[in-house]
C-alpha atoms as a PDB file:
ATOM      1  CA  MET A   1     -10.214 -10.231  37.007  1.00  0.00           C
ATOM      2  CA  TRP A   2     -10.962 -13.354  34.986  1.00  0.00           C
ATOM      3  CA  ASN A   3     -14.624 -12.128  34.777  1.00  0.00           C
ATOM      4  CA  GLN A   4     -13.448  -9.464  32.554  1.00  0.00           C
ATOM      5  CA  LEU A   5     -10.494 -11.145  30.591  1.00  0.00           C
ATOM      6  CA  LEU A   6     -12.201 -14.224  29.711  1.00  0.00           C
ATOM      7  CA  PRO A   7     -14.946 -12.813  27.631  1.00  0.00           C
ATOM      8  CA  GLY A   8     -12.430 -10.698  25.790  1.00  0.00           C
ATOM      9  CA  PHE A   9     -10.380 -13.828  25.046  1.00  0.00           C
ATOM     10  CA  ARG A  10     -13.413 -15.649  23.728  1.00  0.00           C
ATOM     11  CA  MET A  11     -14.522 -12.872  21.716  1.00  0.00           C
ATOM     12  CA  THR A  12     -10.989 -12.742  20.111  1.00  0.00           C
ATOM     13  CA  LEU A  13     -10.758 -16.288  19.381  1.00  0.00           C
ATOM     14  CA  ALA A  14     -14.440 -16.252  18.000  1.00  0.00           C
ATOM     15  CA  LEU A  15     -13.723 -13.351  15.675  1.00  0.00           C
ATOM     16  CA  THR A  16     -10.334 -14.965  14.781  1.00  0.00           C
ATOM     17  CA  VAL A  17     -12.135 -17.974  13.542  1.00  0.00           C
ATOM     18  CA  LEU A  18     -14.876 -16.220  11.901  1.00  0.00           C
ATOM     19  CA  THR A  19     -13.078 -13.326  10.164  1.00  0.00           C
ATOM     20  CA  GLY A  20      -9.605 -15.036   9.681  1.00  0.00           C
ATOM     21  CA  MET A  21     -10.742 -18.645   8.717  1.00  0.00           C
ATOM     22  CA  ILE A  22     -14.389 -18.936   7.938  1.00  0.00           C
ATOM     23  CA  TYR A  23     -14.995 -15.819   5.996  1.00  0.00           C
ATOM     24  CA  PRO A  24     -11.961 -16.128   3.715  1.00  0.00           C
ATOM     25  CA  GLY A  25     -12.636 -19.863   3.198  1.00  0.00           C
ATOM     26  CA  VAL A  26     -16.280 -19.176   1.969  1.00  0.00           C
ATOM     27  CA  VAL A  27     -15.314 -16.251  -0.346  1.00  0.00           C
ATOM     28  CA  THR A  28     -12.272 -18.268  -1.757  1.00  0.00           C
ATOM     29  CA  ALA A  29     -14.673 -21.248  -2.455  1.00  0.00           C
ATOM     30  CA  LEU A  30     -17.273 -19.017  -4.014  1.00  0.00           C
ATOM     31  CA  CYS A  31     -14.568 -17.366  -6.205  1.00  0.00           C
ATOM     32  CA  GLN A  32     -13.005 -20.572  -7.489  1.00  0.00           C
ATOM     33  CA  THR A  33     -16.657 -21.927  -8.197  1.00  0.00           C
ATOM     34  CA  LEU A  34     -18.186 -18.714  -9.742  1.00  0.00           C
ATOM     35  CA  PHE A  35     -14.988 -16.920 -11.151  1.00  0.00           C
ATOM     36  CA  SER A  36     -12.479 -19.684 -11.534  1.00  0.00           C
ATOM     37  CA  ALA A  37     -10.426 -17.969 -14.495  1.00  0.00           C
ATOM     38  CA  GLN A  38     -10.460 -14.572 -12.821  1.00  0.00           C
ATOM     39  CA  ALA A  39      -9.589 -16.072  -9.302  1.00  0.00           C
ATOM     40  CA  ASN A  40      -6.529 -17.735 -10.743  1.00  0.00           C
ATOM     41  CA  GLY A  41      -5.165 -14.783 -12.574  1.00  0.00           C
ATOM     42  CA  SER A  42      -6.701 -14.807 -15.967  1.00  0.00           C
ATOM     43  CA  LEU A  43      -4.031 -17.060 -17.188  1.00  0.00           C
ATOM     44  CA  ILE A  44      -4.064 -17.860 -21.235  1.00  0.00           C
ATOM     45  CA  VAL A  45      -3.146 -21.330 -22.038  1.00  0.00           C
ATOM     46  CA  ARG A  46      -2.130 -22.295 -25.456  1.00  0.00           C
ATOM     47  CA  ASN A  47      -0.974 -25.894 -26.506  1.00  0.00           C
ATOM     48  CA  GLY A  48      -1.166 -26.966 -22.751  1.00  0.00           C
ATOM     49  CA  ARG A  49       1.319 -24.116 -21.658  1.00  0.00           C
ATOM     50  CA  VAL A  50       0.551 -20.727 -19.732  1.00  0.00           C
ATOM     51  CA  VAL A  51       1.816 -18.100 -22.266  1.00  0.00           C
ATOM     52  CA  GLY A  52       0.768 -15.159 -19.980  1.00  0.00           C
ATOM     53  CA  SER A  53      -2.107 -13.372 -18.218  1.00  0.00           C
ATOM     54  CA  ALA A  54      -4.735 -11.160 -19.792  1.00  0.00           C
ATOM     55  CA  LEU A  55      -4.014  -8.689 -16.733  1.00  0.00           C
ATOM     56  CA  ILE A  56      -0.391  -8.204 -17.139  1.00  0.00           C
ATOM     57  CA  GLY A  57       1.591  -6.643 -19.990  1.00  0.00           C
ATOM     58  CA  GLN A  58       4.391  -8.383 -21.687  1.00  0.00           C
ATOM     59  CA  SER A  59       7.311  -7.367 -23.952  1.00  0.00           C
ATOM     60  CA  PHE A  60       6.868  -7.785 -27.761  1.00  0.00           C
ATOM     61  CA  ALA A  61       9.749  -6.303 -29.708  1.00  0.00           C
ATOM     62  CA  ARG A  62       9.525  -8.226 -33.037  1.00  0.00           C
ATOM     63  CA  PRO A  63       8.141  -6.186 -35.782  1.00  0.00           C
ATOM     64  CA  GLU A  64       5.492  -8.812 -36.731  1.00  0.00           C
ATOM     65  CA  TYR A  65       3.762  -7.963 -33.280  1.00  0.00           C
ATOM     66  CA  PHE A  66       2.042  -5.045 -31.906  1.00  0.00           C
ATOM     67  CA  HIS A  67       4.001  -3.557 -29.169  1.00  0.00           C
ATOM     68  CA  PRO A  68       2.796  -2.649 -25.713  1.00  0.00           C
ATOM     69  CA  ARG A  69       3.383   0.404 -23.693  1.00  0.00           C
ATOM     70  CA  PRO A  70       6.897   0.857 -22.347  1.00  0.00           C
ATOM     71  CA  SER A  71       7.437  -0.481 -18.962  1.00  0.00           C
ATOM     72  CA  ALA A  72       9.311   1.135 -16.021  1.00  0.00           C
ATOM     73  CA  ALA A  73       8.722  -1.979 -13.827  1.00  0.00           C
ATOM     74  CA  GLY A  74      12.221  -3.489 -13.016  1.00  0.00           C
ATOM     75  CA  ILE A  75      15.348  -3.134 -14.897  1.00  0.00           C
ATOM     76  CA  ASP A  76      14.350  -4.593 -18.274  1.00  0.00           C
ATOM     77  CA  GLY A  77      10.593  -3.680 -17.963  1.00  0.00           C
ATOM     78  CA  TYR A  78       7.485  -5.966 -17.317  1.00  0.00           C
ATOM     79  CA  ASP A  79       8.847  -7.402 -14.200  1.00  0.00           C
ATOM     80  CA  ALA A  80       5.833  -8.083 -12.101  1.00  0.00           C
ATOM     81  CA  ALA A  81       7.957  -8.439  -8.815  1.00  0.00           C
ATOM     82  CA  SER A  82       9.018  -4.890  -9.406  1.00  0.00           C
ATOM     83  CA  SER A  83       5.619  -3.316 -10.441  1.00  0.00           C
ATOM     84  CA  GLY A  84       5.335   0.363 -10.310  1.00  0.00           C
ATOM     85  CA  GLY A  85       5.887   3.673 -12.199  1.00  0.00           C
ATOM     86  CA  SER A  86       9.051   5.444 -12.246  1.00  0.00           C
ATOM     87  CA  ASN A  87       7.691   8.331 -10.352  1.00  0.00           C
ATOM     88  CA  LEU A  88       9.351  10.796 -12.617  1.00  0.00           C
ATOM     89  CA  GLY A  89       7.500  14.077 -13.037  1.00  0.00           C
ATOM     90  CA  PRO A  90       6.547  16.130 -16.169  1.00  0.00           C
ATOM     91  CA  THR A  91       9.563  18.394 -15.607  1.00  0.00           C
ATOM     92  CA  SER A  92      12.082  15.440 -14.987  1.00  0.00           C
ATOM     93  CA  GLN A  93      14.811  15.554 -17.784  1.00  0.00           C
ATOM     94  CA  LYS A  94      15.316  11.957 -17.471  1.00  0.00           C
ATOM     95  CA  LEU A  95      11.688  11.361 -18.334  1.00  0.00           C
ATOM     96  CA  MET A  96      11.989  13.783 -21.348  1.00  0.00           C
ATOM     97  CA  ASP A  97      15.122  11.993 -22.308  1.00  0.00           C
ATOM     98  CA  ARG A  98      13.502   8.470 -22.286  1.00  0.00           C
ATOM     99  CA  VAL A  99      10.473   9.763 -23.964  1.00  0.00           C
ATOM    100  CA  LYS A 100      12.429  11.139 -26.807  1.00  0.00           C
ATOM    101  CA  ALA A 101      14.407   7.962 -27.326  1.00  0.00           C
ATOM    102  CA  THR A 102      11.031   5.849 -27.291  1.00  0.00           C
ATOM    103  CA  VAL A 103       9.615   8.264 -29.889  1.00  0.00           C
ATOM    104  CA  ALA A 104      12.738   7.925 -31.823  1.00  0.00           C
ATOM    105  CA  LYS A 105      12.637   4.138 -31.820  1.00  0.00           C
ATOM    106  CA  LEU A 106       9.010   4.161 -32.727  1.00  0.00           C
ATOM    107  CA  GLN A 107       9.689   6.465 -35.758  1.00  0.00           C
ATOM    108  CA  ALA A 108      12.444   4.112 -36.800  1.00  0.00           C
ATOM    109  CA  GLN A 109      10.010   0.871 -36.422  1.00  0.00           C
ATOM    110  CA  ASN A 110       7.173   2.658 -38.104  1.00  0.00           C
ATOM    111  CA  PRO A 111       8.699   4.918 -40.762  1.00  0.00           C
ATOM    112  CA  SER A 112       5.539   5.523 -42.552  1.00  0.00           C
ATOM    113  CA  HIS A 113       3.717   7.189 -39.555  1.00  0.00           C
ATOM    114  CA  GLN A 114       3.478  10.900 -39.786  1.00  0.00           C
ATOM    115  CA  GLY A 115       2.517  13.125 -36.890  1.00  0.00           C
ATOM    116  CA  GLU A 116       2.230  12.683 -33.278  1.00  0.00           C
ATOM    117  CA  TRP A 117       2.355   9.573 -31.462  1.00  0.00           C
ATOM    118  CA  PRO A 118      -0.240   8.478 -28.710  1.00  0.00           C
ATOM    119  CA  ALA A 119       1.062   9.186 -25.256  1.00  0.00           C
ATOM    120  CA  ASP A 120       0.416   5.497 -24.299  1.00  0.00           C
ATOM    121  CA  LEU A 121       3.321   4.345 -26.723  1.00  0.00           C
ATOM    122  CA  ALA A 122       5.756   6.831 -25.413  1.00  0.00           C
ATOM    123  CA  THR A 123       5.311   6.613 -21.486  1.00  0.00           C
ATOM    124  CA  ALA A 124       4.879   3.951 -19.099  1.00  0.00           C
ATOM    125  CA  SER A 125       1.922   3.155 -17.098  1.00  0.00           C
ATOM    126  CA  ALA A 126       1.718   3.750 -13.306  1.00  0.00           C
ATOM    127  CA  SER A 127       2.252  -0.202 -12.815  1.00  0.00           C
ATOM    128  CA  GLY A 128       4.504  -0.514 -15.659  1.00  0.00           C
ATOM    129  CA  LEU A 129       2.409  -3.685 -16.444  1.00  0.00           C
ATOM    130  CA  ASP A 130      -0.503  -2.406 -18.527  1.00  0.00           C
ATOM    131  CA  PRO A 131      -1.750  -4.933 -20.831  1.00  0.00           C
ATOM    132  CA  HIS A 132      -3.576  -2.556 -23.000  1.00  0.00           C
ATOM    133  CA  ILE A 133      -2.769   0.102 -25.472  1.00  0.00           C
ATOM    134  CA  SER A 134      -5.266   2.838 -27.022  1.00  0.00           C
ATOM    135  CA  PRO A 135      -6.790   1.795 -30.539  1.00  0.00           C
ATOM    136  CA  ALA A 136      -4.948   4.909 -31.783  1.00  0.00           C
ATOM    137  CA  ALA A 137      -1.670   3.528 -30.614  1.00  0.00           C
ATOM    138  CA  ALA A 138      -2.532   0.091 -32.305  1.00  0.00           C
ATOM    139  CA  ARG A 139      -3.488   1.721 -35.488  1.00  0.00           C
ATOM    140  CA  MET A 140      -0.058   3.248 -35.693  1.00  0.00           C
ATOM    141  CA  GLN A 141       1.454  -0.019 -35.770  1.00  0.00           C
ATOM    142  CA  VAL A 142      -0.865  -1.735 -38.356  1.00  0.00           C
ATOM    143  CA  GLU A 143       1.270  -1.208 -41.452  1.00  0.00           C
ATOM    144  CA  ARG A 144       4.493  -2.418 -39.853  1.00  0.00           C
ATOM    145  CA  VAL A 145       2.676  -5.664 -38.522  1.00  0.00           C
ATOM    146  CA  ALA A 146       1.067  -6.190 -42.026  1.00  0.00           C
ATOM    147  CA  ARG A 147       4.333  -5.911 -43.820  1.00  0.00           C
ATOM    148  CA  SER A 148       6.189  -8.228 -41.248  1.00  0.00           C
ATOM    149  CA  ARG A 149       3.441 -10.792 -41.694  1.00  0.00           C
ATOM    150  CA  SER A 150       3.213 -10.523 -45.474  1.00  0.00           C
ATOM    151  CA  VAL A 151      -0.596  -9.845 -45.165  1.00  0.00           C
ATOM    152  CA  SER A 152      -2.775  -6.936 -46.251  1.00  0.00           C
ATOM    153  CA  ILE A 153      -3.445  -4.068 -43.934  1.00  0.00           C
ATOM    154  CA  GLU A 154      -7.096  -4.540 -44.158  1.00  0.00           C
ATOM    155  CA  GLN A 155      -6.731  -7.978 -42.790  1.00  0.00           C
ATOM    156  CA  VAL A 156      -4.677  -6.784 -39.733  1.00  0.00           C
ATOM    157  CA  LYS A 157      -7.216  -3.778 -39.342  1.00  0.00           C
ATOM    158  CA  GLU A 158     -10.096  -6.300 -39.177  1.00  0.00           C
ATOM    159  CA  MET A 159      -8.499  -8.152 -36.510  1.00  0.00           C
ATOM    160  CA  LEU A 160      -7.635  -5.067 -34.681  1.00  0.00           C
ATOM    161  CA  VAL A 161     -11.400  -3.848 -34.818  1.00  0.00           C
ATOM    162  CA  ARG A 162     -12.268  -7.411 -33.244  1.00  0.00           C
ATOM    163  CA  PHE A 163     -10.034  -7.072 -30.441  1.00  0.00           C
ATOM    164  CA  THR A 164     -10.827  -3.456 -29.545  1.00  0.00           C
ATOM    165  CA  GLU A 165     -12.743  -3.609 -26.294  1.00  0.00           C
ATOM    166  CA  SER A 166     -15.375  -0.921 -25.537  1.00  0.00           C
ATOM    167  CA  ARG A 167     -15.710   1.071 -22.515  1.00  0.00           C
ATOM    168  CA  ASP A 168     -16.937  -0.975 -19.488  1.00  0.00           C
ATOM    169  CA  LEU A 169     -20.673  -0.887 -19.016  1.00  0.00           C
ATOM    170  CA  GLY A 170     -20.777   1.725 -21.903  1.00  0.00           C
ATOM    171  CA  PHE A 171     -19.191   4.505 -19.913  1.00  0.00           C
ATOM    172  CA  LEU A 172     -16.481   3.616 -17.692  1.00  0.00           C
ATOM    173  CA  GLY A 173     -12.830   3.877 -18.868  1.00  0.00           C
ATOM    174  CA  GLU A 174     -11.555   4.182 -22.434  1.00  0.00           C
ATOM    175  CA  PRO A 175     -11.764   1.855 -25.427  1.00  0.00           C
ATOM    176  CA  ARG A 176      -8.527  -0.337 -25.473  1.00  0.00           C
ATOM    177  CA  VAL A 177      -6.781  -3.264 -27.103  1.00  0.00           C
ATOM    178  CA  ASN A 178      -5.291  -6.125 -25.010  1.00  0.00           C
ATOM    179  CA  VAL A 179      -1.961  -6.662 -26.845  1.00  0.00           C
ATOM    180  CA  LEU A 180      -1.349 -10.160 -25.846  1.00  0.00           C
ATOM    181  CA  LEU A 181      -4.650 -11.544 -26.748  1.00  0.00           C
ATOM    182  CA  LEU A 182      -4.304  -9.638 -30.146  1.00  0.00           C
ATOM    183  CA  ASN A 183      -0.902 -10.905 -30.842  1.00  0.00           C
ATOM    184  CA  LEU A 184      -1.837 -14.506 -29.874  1.00  0.00           C
ATOM    185  CA  GLU A 185      -4.670 -14.296 -32.299  1.00  0.00           C
ATOM    186  CA  LEU A 186      -2.309 -12.890 -35.030  1.00  0.00           C
ATOM    187  CA  ASP A 187      -0.123 -15.934 -34.550  1.00  0.00           C
ATOM    188  CA  ARG A 188      -3.119 -18.214 -34.966  1.00  0.00           C
ATOM    189  CA  VAL A 189      -4.871 -16.554 -37.704  1.00  0.00           C
ATOM    190  CA  LEU A 190      -1.997 -14.843 -39.873  1.00  0.00           C
ATOM    191  CA  PRO A 191       1.053 -16.620 -38.812  1.00  0.00           C
ATOM    192  CA  THR A 192       4.345 -15.221 -40.286  1.00  0.00           C
ATOM    193  CA  LYS A 193       5.667 -16.515 -43.426  1.00  0.00           C
END
């Protein structure tokens, strides 16, 4: 009996050490050495203080900032511990009411905008923590941001163009704007007066 059980125990112990300790340790050491910022959450530090992550959306409600996608994560939104969509379908009355309320709020904040609103400004992402908006969604907010900061629309548009990320590898995904990075740069270059 021990002739059959002992090799199984040894193999279990060897594989536990190899795949449970050595392999994760080597991968962690490589990631910390080669990709330290990404391995630690792509944290953004300003003046010695962590202000956010380039990978997680945050709420910006003041008029001098670009606003992100709405969030359904948690009670007040943007709660990383409650990440997830609302799971409401396209025929859900609750979803329709929420989108109508969001669009009404957007129209009140951006009264000069005429026409359709990009879907990413009216609906939450699947995680509720998407840090990006489409360039079209950002362009809709340029006038409000420029007016609130008492700067020209062209200055804000130039900054928006600089912070528009292109498709990964030239063909994956869509062009996008990281709201946190753009707002931090606005505060640095075009502070409110």
